[in-house]
Structures are given as structure tokens and as C-alpha cells.
C-alpha atoms as a PDB file:
ATOM      1  CA  UNK A   1      13.485  22.914 -60.842  1.00  0.00           C
ATOM      2  CA  UNK A   2      13.964  19.185 -60.985  1.00  0.00           C
ATOM      3  CA  UNK A   3      13.154  16.741 -63.732  1.00  0.00           C
ATOM      4  CA  UNK A   4      13.562  17.525 -67.450  1.00  0.00           C
ATOM      5  CA  UNK A   5      14.568  14.173 -68.920  1.00  0.00           C
ATOM      6  CA  UNK A   6      11.020  13.832 -70.364  1.00  0.00           C
ATOM      7  CA  UNK A   7      10.460  17.562 -70.935  1.00  0.00           C
ATOM      8  CA  UNK A   8       8.229  17.794 -67.828  1.00  0.00           C
ATOM      9  CA  UNK A   9       5.550  15.760 -69.620  1.00  0.00           C
ATOM     10  CA  UNK A  10       4.013  14.838 -66.277  1.00  0.00           C
ATOM     11  CA  UNK A  11       3.241  18.516 -65.663  1.00  0.00           C
ATOM     12  CA  UNK A  12       1.622  18.955 -69.066  1.00  0.00           C
ATOM     13  CA  UNK A  13      -0.465  15.815 -68.584  1.00  0.00           C
ATOM     14  CA  UNK A  14      -1.497  17.099 -65.198  1.00  0.00           C
ATOM     15  CA  UNK A  15      -2.581  20.445 -66.672  1.00  0.00           C
ATOM     16  CA  UNK A  16      -4.383  18.938 -69.692  1.00  0.00           C
ATOM     17  CA  UNK A  17      -6.137  15.812 -68.273  1.00  0.00           C
ATOM     18  CA  UNK A  18      -6.334  15.777 -64.467  1.00  0.00           C
ATOM     19  CA  UNK A  19      -9.860  16.700 -63.404  1.00  0.00           C
ATOM     20  CA  UNK A  20     -10.878  17.059 -67.070  1.00  0.00           C
ATOM     21  CA  UNK A  21     -11.859  13.464 -67.858  1.00  0.00           C
ATOM     22  CA  UNK A  22     -15.583  13.903 -67.109  1.00  0.00           C
ATOM     23  CA  UNK A  23     -15.415  10.715 -64.998  1.00  0.00           C
ATOM     24  CA  UNK A  24     -14.448  10.627 -61.360  1.00  0.00           C
ATOM     25  CA  UNK A  25     -12.565   7.341 -61.585  1.00  0.00           C
ATOM     26  CA  UNK A  26     -10.619   8.413 -64.635  1.00  0.00           C
ATOM     27  CA  UNK A  27      -9.805  11.730 -62.892  1.00  0.00           C
ATOM     28  CA  UNK A  28      -8.429   9.795 -60.009  1.00  0.00           C
ATOM     29  CA  UNK A  29      -6.459   7.442 -62.145  1.00  0.00           C
ATOM     30  CA  UNK A  30      -4.947  10.369 -64.082  1.00  0.00           C
ATOM     31  CA  UNK A  31      -3.781  11.949 -60.828  1.00  0.00           C
ATOM     32  CA  UNK A  32      -2.145   8.695 -59.830  1.00  0.00           C
ATOM     33  CA  UNK A  33      -0.592   8.303 -63.287  1.00  0.00           C
ATOM     34  CA  UNK A  34       0.897  11.820 -63.073  1.00  0.00           C
ATOM     35  CA  UNK A  35       2.596  10.738 -59.808  1.00  0.00           C
ATOM     36  CA  UNK A  36       4.119   7.732 -61.664  1.00  0.00           C
ATOM     37  CA  UNK A  37       5.272   9.984 -64.543  1.00  0.00           C
ATOM     38  CA  UNK A  38       6.682  12.557 -62.118  1.00  0.00           C
ATOM     39  CA  UNK A  39       8.748   9.945 -60.302  1.00  0.00           C
ATOM     40  CA  UNK A  40       9.937   8.424 -63.535  1.00  0.00           C
ATOM     41  CA  UNK A  41      11.154  11.789 -64.806  1.00  0.00           C
ATOM     42  CA  UNK A  42      12.810  12.698 -61.492  1.00  0.00           C
ATOM     43  CA  UNK A  43      14.521   9.320 -61.314  1.00  0.00           C
ATOM     44  CA  UNK A  44      15.783   9.543 -64.873  1.00  0.00           C
ATOM     45  CA  UNK A  45      17.006  13.086 -64.173  1.00  0.00           C
ATOM     46  CA  UNK A  46      18.929  11.833 -61.056  1.00  0.00           C
ATOM     47  CA  UNK A  47      16.705  13.939 -58.757  1.00  0.00           C
ATOM     48  CA  UNK A  48      15.235  10.972 -56.932  1.00  0.00           C
ATOM     49  CA  UNK A  49      15.881   7.284 -56.506  1.00  0.00           C
ATOM     50  CA  UNK A  50      14.782   4.303 -58.645  1.00  0.00           C
ATOM     51  CA  UNK A  51      13.380   2.833 -55.356  1.00  0.00           C
ATOM     52  CA  UNK A  52      10.961   5.772 -55.090  1.00  0.00           C
ATOM     53  CA  UNK A  53       9.852   5.311 -58.677  1.00  0.00           C
ATOM     54  CA  UNK A  54       9.390   1.558 -58.240  1.00  0.00           C
ATOM     55  CA  UNK A  55       7.424   2.084 -55.088  1.00  0.00           C
ATOM     56  CA  UNK A  56       5.074   4.573 -56.879  1.00  0.00           C
ATOM     57  CA  UNK A  57       4.625   2.099 -59.741  1.00  0.00           C
ATOM     58  CA  UNK A  58       3.885  -0.730 -57.316  1.00  0.00           C
ATOM     59  CA  UNK A  59       1.183   1.334 -55.551  1.00  0.00           C
ATOM     60  CA  UNK A  60      -0.265   2.396 -58.913  1.00  0.00           C
ATOM     61  CA  UNK A  61      -0.522  -1.183 -60.223  1.00  0.00           C
ATOM     62  CA  UNK A  62      -1.897  -2.455 -56.966  1.00  0.00           C
ATOM     63  CA  UNK A  63      -4.652   0.139 -57.005  1.00  0.00           C
ATOM     64  CA  UNK A  64      -5.566   0.131 -60.634  1.00  0.00           C
ATOM     65  CA  UNK A  65      -4.608  -3.238 -62.149  1.00  0.00           C
ATOM     66  CA  UNK A  66      -5.782  -5.533 -59.368  1.00  0.00           C
ATOM     67  CA  UNK A  67      -3.362  -8.239 -60.497  1.00  0.00           C
ATOM     68  CA  UNK A  68      -2.935 -11.379 -58.480  1.00  0.00           C
ATOM     69  CA  UNK A  69       0.332 -13.205 -57.877  1.00  0.00           C
ATOM     70  CA  UNK A  70      -0.830 -15.912 -60.362  1.00  0.00           C
ATOM     71  CA  UNK A  71      -1.385 -13.229 -63.061  1.00  0.00           C
ATOM     72  CA  UNK A  72       2.125 -11.929 -62.567  1.00  0.00           C
ATOM     73  CA  UNK A  73       3.593 -15.468 -62.571  1.00  0.00           C
ATOM     74  CA  UNK A  74       1.844 -16.163 -65.877  1.00  0.00           C
ATOM     75  CA  UNK A  75       3.251 -12.995 -67.369  1.00  0.00           C
ATOM     76  CA  UNK A  76       6.746 -13.941 -66.260  1.00  0.00           C
ATOM     77  CA  UNK A  77       6.410 -17.443 -67.661  1.00  0.00           C
ATOM     78  CA  UNK A  78       5.155 -16.140 -70.978  1.00  0.00           C
ATOM     79  CA  UNK A  79       8.007 -13.655 -71.253  1.00  0.00           C
ATOM     80  CA  UNK A  80      10.562 -16.403 -70.353  1.00  0.00           C
ATOM     81  CA  UNK A  81       9.104 -18.613 -72.981  1.00  0.00           C
ATOM     82  CA  UNK A  82       9.197 -15.872 -75.565  1.00  0.00           C
ATOM     83  CA  UNK A  83      12.853 -15.120 -74.744  1.00  0.00           C
ATOM     84  CA  UNK A  84      13.720 -18.837 -74.939  1.00  0.00           C
ATOM     85  CA  UNK A  85      12.135 -19.108 -78.392  1.00  0.00           C
ATOM     86  CA  UNK A  86      13.994 -15.999 -79.576  1.00  0.00           C
ATOM     87  CA  UNK A  87      17.307 -17.378 -78.313  1.00  0.00           C
ATOM     88  CA  UNK A  88      16.697 -20.773 -79.913  1.00  0.00           C
ATOM     89  CA  UNK A  89      16.086 -19.090 -83.243  1.00  0.00           C
ATOM     90  CA  UNK A  90      19.165 -16.935 -82.815  1.00  0.00           C
ATOM     91  CA  UNK A  91      21.435 -19.956 -82.170  1.00  0.00           C
ATOM     92  CA  UNK A  92      19.780 -22.191 -84.782  1.00  0.00           C
ATOM     93  CA  UNK A  93      22.986 -22.243 -86.687  1.00  0.00           C
ATOM     94  CA  UNK A  94      24.663 -24.333 -83.935  1.00  0.00           C
ATOM     95  CA  UNK A  95      22.669 -27.371 -84.987  1.00  0.00           C
ATOM     96  CA  UNK A  96      25.246 -28.141 -87.613  1.00  0.00           C
ATOM     97  CA  UNK A  97      28.143 -28.003 -85.097  1.00  0.00           C
ATOM     98  CA  UNK A  98      29.063 -31.178 -83.315  1.00  0.00           C
END
């Protein structure tokens, strides 16, 4: 049996939540989420590739998050700004050095 790095959590989530959400859209989303969790676990256990996992994530996000390119660009810019601020704080001590 493959997987194991996350204690087969994808299988337990499948058993406990898929088709038990009392909502057809949530049932569908849970099935798709289990696919993401499965591919994550198999990748981390060296049973499949990171490429397969990333492809599954991309499909999941495209289907369920409906993000636009602009949304993603804003997220990237925000994260870059946050990282910049953290680095500036970290190197604050260099102000005294000429």
C-alpha cells in the first residue's frame, strides 16, 4: 500500500465526509479535496511526483476557488510586501553601520 506520510488521512476523510455532507456541492468538493490529499500524501511518501500533486491542486483551485490572474497577482504582491517588511525589520541593526 502506498502513502503513509500523513497516516492515510485522505482515506479517513473519504470514509467520514464524502457523500455525508447533506449538500451535493459540498459532497462534490470533499471528493475533490480527498484527491488533493491523496496526491499530497503519495508525493510526500515518494510514491508519486510533485508534478502530479501540483496538477491536482491546480485543477482543484480552478474548479472551486474561481480565482482570476489579477487575484493571484495581488496575493503575490501582498506576500512580497510582507516578506520585504519582515526583512527590513530583521536588518534594522544595519542602519548604524556606514
